């Protein structure tokens, strides 16, 4: 739940404050092409993705499926009362917010490495991908929540796009 709240808070903050040159917000489905990479945190809560020329972070498909089941409004279809209408509205908004992913352009990165159990980004300018840099999962930095093998695979793919 803490992960969900962390990512949701970041999604809402970026939606409200996102700039044109740095992180962007999207609800579009991810379609990976050859050379794109998706790694999932050890607790299966968060995906870190290299898609085309973007580094993307968001809740994992497995966690989103759990949320979708818990916020399903199928049993409310026959109830047309005010309370059911409010519940459908709120659950739809929650699902939409949790499906939000943040992305950061690879072109704004100088480099990336895996060091001391963390994925570390080097930025060309002052604007950083704060969602990645500041987020944690139960006290563990988000960028340290992926297996070493997955982290190295992700780093190698991003570094290849930078070069």
Protein backbone atom coordinates (compact mmCIF):
# COMPACT_ATOMS: atom_id res chain seq x y z
CA UNK A 1 0.00 0.00 0.00
CA UNK A 2 2.87 2.38 0.78
CA UNK A 3 4.19 1.84 -2.76
CA UNK A 4 0.78 2.57 -4.22
CA UNK A 5 0.50 5.80 -2.26
CA UNK A 6 4.04 6.86 -3.18
CA UNK A 7 3.53 6.33 -6.91
CA UNK A 8 0.03 7.82 -6.83
CA UNK A 9 1.29 10.91 -5.02
CA UNK A 10 4.10 11.33 -7.52
CA UNK A 11 1.72 10.86 -10.45
CA UNK A 12 -0.64 13.50 -9.13
CA UNK A 13 2.20 15.90 -8.35
CA UNK A 14 3.70 15.51 -11.80
CA UNK A 15 0.30 15.89 -13.41
CA UNK A 16 -0.14 19.18 -11.61
CA UNK A 17 3.43 20.48 -11.93
CA UNK A 18 5.10 18.68 -14.85
CA UNK A 19 7.17 20.75 -17.21
CA UNK A 20 7.62 20.40 -20.95
CA UNK A 21 11.33 19.58 -20.88
CA UNK A 22 11.52 17.03 -18.08
CA UNK A 23 9.32 14.23 -16.84
CA UNK A 24 6.01 13.68 -18.61
CA UNK A 25 2.85 11.86 -17.55
CA UNK A 26 0.94 9.30 -19.64
CA UNK A 27 -1.80 6.70 -19.38
CA UNK A 28 -1.01 5.19 -22.78
CA UNK A 29 -0.42 1.42 -22.88
CA UNK A 30 3.20 0.35 -23.16
CA UNK A 31 4.08 -1.39 -26.40
CA UNK A 32 7.66 -2.60 -26.29
CA UNK A 33 9.72 -2.90 -29.46
CA UNK A 34 12.96 -4.74 -30.10
CA UNK A 35 15.65 -3.35 -27.81
CA UNK A 36 13.16 -1.94 -25.28
CA UNK A 37 13.50 -3.28 -21.73
CA UNK A 38 11.08 -3.69 -18.82
CA UNK A 39 12.28 -4.65 -15.34
CA UNK A 40 10.02 -5.18 -12.35
CA UNK A 41 10.92 -4.53 -8.72
CA UNK A 42 11.57 -7.52 -6.48
CA UNK A 43 8.17 -7.07 -4.82
CA UNK A 44 6.43 -6.97 -8.23
CA UNK A 45 5.01 -3.50 -7.52
CA UNK A 46 6.88 -1.16 -9.90
CA UNK A 47 8.05 -1.37 -13.51
CA UNK A 48 11.04 0.54 -14.84
CA UNK A 49 10.98 0.63 -18.63
CA UNK A 50 13.17 1.79 -21.47
CA UNK A 51 10.76 2.38 -24.34
CA UNK A 52 12.17 4.05 -27.41
CA UNK A 53 13.79 7.27 -26.24
CA UNK A 54 12.08 7.37 -22.83
CA UNK A 55 12.78 5.97 -19.35
CA UNK A 56 9.37 5.20 -17.84
CA UNK A 57 8.28 4.30 -14.31
CA UNK A 58 4.88 3.14 -13.10
CA UNK A 59 3.02 0.48 -11.20
CA UNK A 60 3.51 -3.03 -12.54
CA UNK A 61 0.84 -4.85 -14.51
CA UNK A 62 0.49 -7.42 -11.71
CA UNK A 63 -0.21 -4.74 -9.09
CA UNK A 64 -2.57 -2.92 -11.46
CA UNK A 65 -4.49 -6.18 -11.96
CA UNK A 66 -4.94 -6.51 -8.19
CA UNK A 67 -6.15 -2.90 -7.98
CA UNK A 68 -8.53 -3.46 -10.91
CA UNK A 69 -10.07 -6.44 -9.12
CA UNK A 70 -10.47 -4.48 -5.91
CA UNK A 71 -11.99 -1.49 -7.68
CA UNK A 72 -14.23 -3.48 -10.05
CA UNK A 73 -17.68 -1.94 -10.32
CA UNK A 74 -19.33 -4.89 -12.09
CA UNK A 75 -21.51 -5.67 -9.09
CA UNK A 76 -22.77 -2.08 -9.10
CA UNK A 77 -24.15 -2.18 -12.66
CA UNK A 78 -27.71 -2.91 -11.57
CA UNK A 79 -27.66 -0.31 -8.79
CA UNK A 80 -28.52 3.12 -10.17
CA UNK A 81 -28.61 4.87 -6.79
CA UNK A 82 -26.57 7.93 -5.92
CA UNK A 83 -24.16 5.99 -3.68
CA UNK A 84 -23.39 3.47 -6.44
CA UNK A 85 -22.83 6.32 -8.91
CA UNK A 86 -20.36 7.98 -6.55
CA UNK A 87 -18.58 4.67 -5.94
CA UNK A 88 -18.25 3.99 -9.70
CA UNK A 89 -16.89 7.52 -10.23
CA UNK A 90 -14.32 7.27 -7.44
CA UNK A 91 -13.13 3.80 -8.44
CA UNK A 92 -12.74 4.88 -12.08
CA UNK A 93 -10.64 7.88 -11.00
CA UNK A 94 -8.45 5.69 -8.77
CA UNK A 95 -7.86 3.21 -11.59
CA UNK A 96 -6.99 6.03 -13.99
CA UNK A 97 -4.56 7.66 -11.55
CA UNK A 98 -2.81 4.39 -10.77
CA UNK A 99 -2.41 3.61 -14.48
CA UNK A 100 -0.39 6.81 -14.85
CA UNK A 101 3.28 6.42 -15.72
CA UNK A 102 6.00 9.04 -15.66
CA UNK A 103 8.62 9.25 -18.38
CA UNK A 104 11.93 11.04 -18.79
CA UNK A 105 13.76 11.60 -22.10
CA UNK A 106 16.93 9.56 -22.61
CA UNK A 107 18.32 12.60 -24.47
CA UNK A 108 18.52 14.42 -21.11
CA UNK A 109 20.81 11.75 -19.65
CA UNK A 110 24.59 11.90 -19.74
CA UNK A 111 24.90 8.32 -18.54
CA UNK A 112 23.58 5.57 -16.28
CA UNK A 113 25.33 2.95 -14.16
CA UNK A 114 24.65 0.24 -11.60
CA UNK A 115 26.68 0.85 -8.46
CA UNK A 116 26.38 -0.31 -4.85
CA UNK A 117 23.02 -1.97 -5.54
CA UNK A 118 21.47 1.15 -7.12
CA UNK A 119 20.73 2.31 -10.64
CA UNK A 120 22.23 5.80 -10.87
CA UNK A 121 21.47 8.39 -13.55
CA UNK A 122 23.79 11.22 -14.59
CA UNK A 123 21.82 14.15 -15.99
CA UNK A 124 22.92 16.70 -18.59
CA UNK A 125 21.09 19.57 -16.91
CA UNK A 126 19.61 20.53 -13.57
CA UNK A 127 16.23 18.88 -14.11
CA UNK A 128 16.22 15.38 -12.67
CA UNK A 129 13.70 12.57 -12.77
CA UNK A 130 12.70 13.14 -9.14
CA UNK A 131 10.17 10.29 -9.22
CA UNK A 132 13.07 7.88 -9.60
CA UNK A 133 15.56 9.72 -7.44
CA UNK A 134 13.33 10.37 -4.42
CA UNK A 135 10.91 7.43 -4.33
CA UNK A 136 11.29 4.42 -2.08
CA UNK A 137 9.56 1.11 -1.51
CA UNK A 138 9.23 0.38 2.19
CA UNK A 139 12.41 2.31 2.98
CA UNK A 140 14.44 0.97 0.05
CA UNK A 141 15.27 3.46 -2.70
CA UNK A 142 13.16 2.69 -5.77
CA UNK A 143 16.31 2.50 -7.89
CA UNK A 144 17.65 -0.19 -5.52
CA UNK A 145 14.52 -2.33 -5.62
CA UNK A 146 15.39 -4.30 -8.76
CA UNK A 147 17.51 -7.44 -8.92
CA UNK A 148 21.16 -6.98 -9.84
CA UNK A 149 20.67 -8.87 -13.12
CA UNK A 150 17.63 -6.79 -14.10
CA UNK A 151 19.36 -3.57 -13.08
CA UNK A 152 22.41 -4.36 -15.19
CA UNK A 153 20.25 -5.32 -18.17
CA UNK A 154 18.32 -2.05 -17.87
CA UNK A 155 21.49 0.03 -17.46
CA UNK A 156 23.13 -1.60 -20.48
CA UNK A 157 20.06 -0.91 -22.65
CA UNK A 158 19.77 2.73 -21.56
CA UNK A 159 23.51 3.32 -21.95
CA UNK A 160 23.34 1.89 -25.49
CA UNK A 161 20.57 4.40 -26.34
CA UNK A 162 22.63 7.26 -24.91
CA UNK A 163 25.67 6.36 -26.99
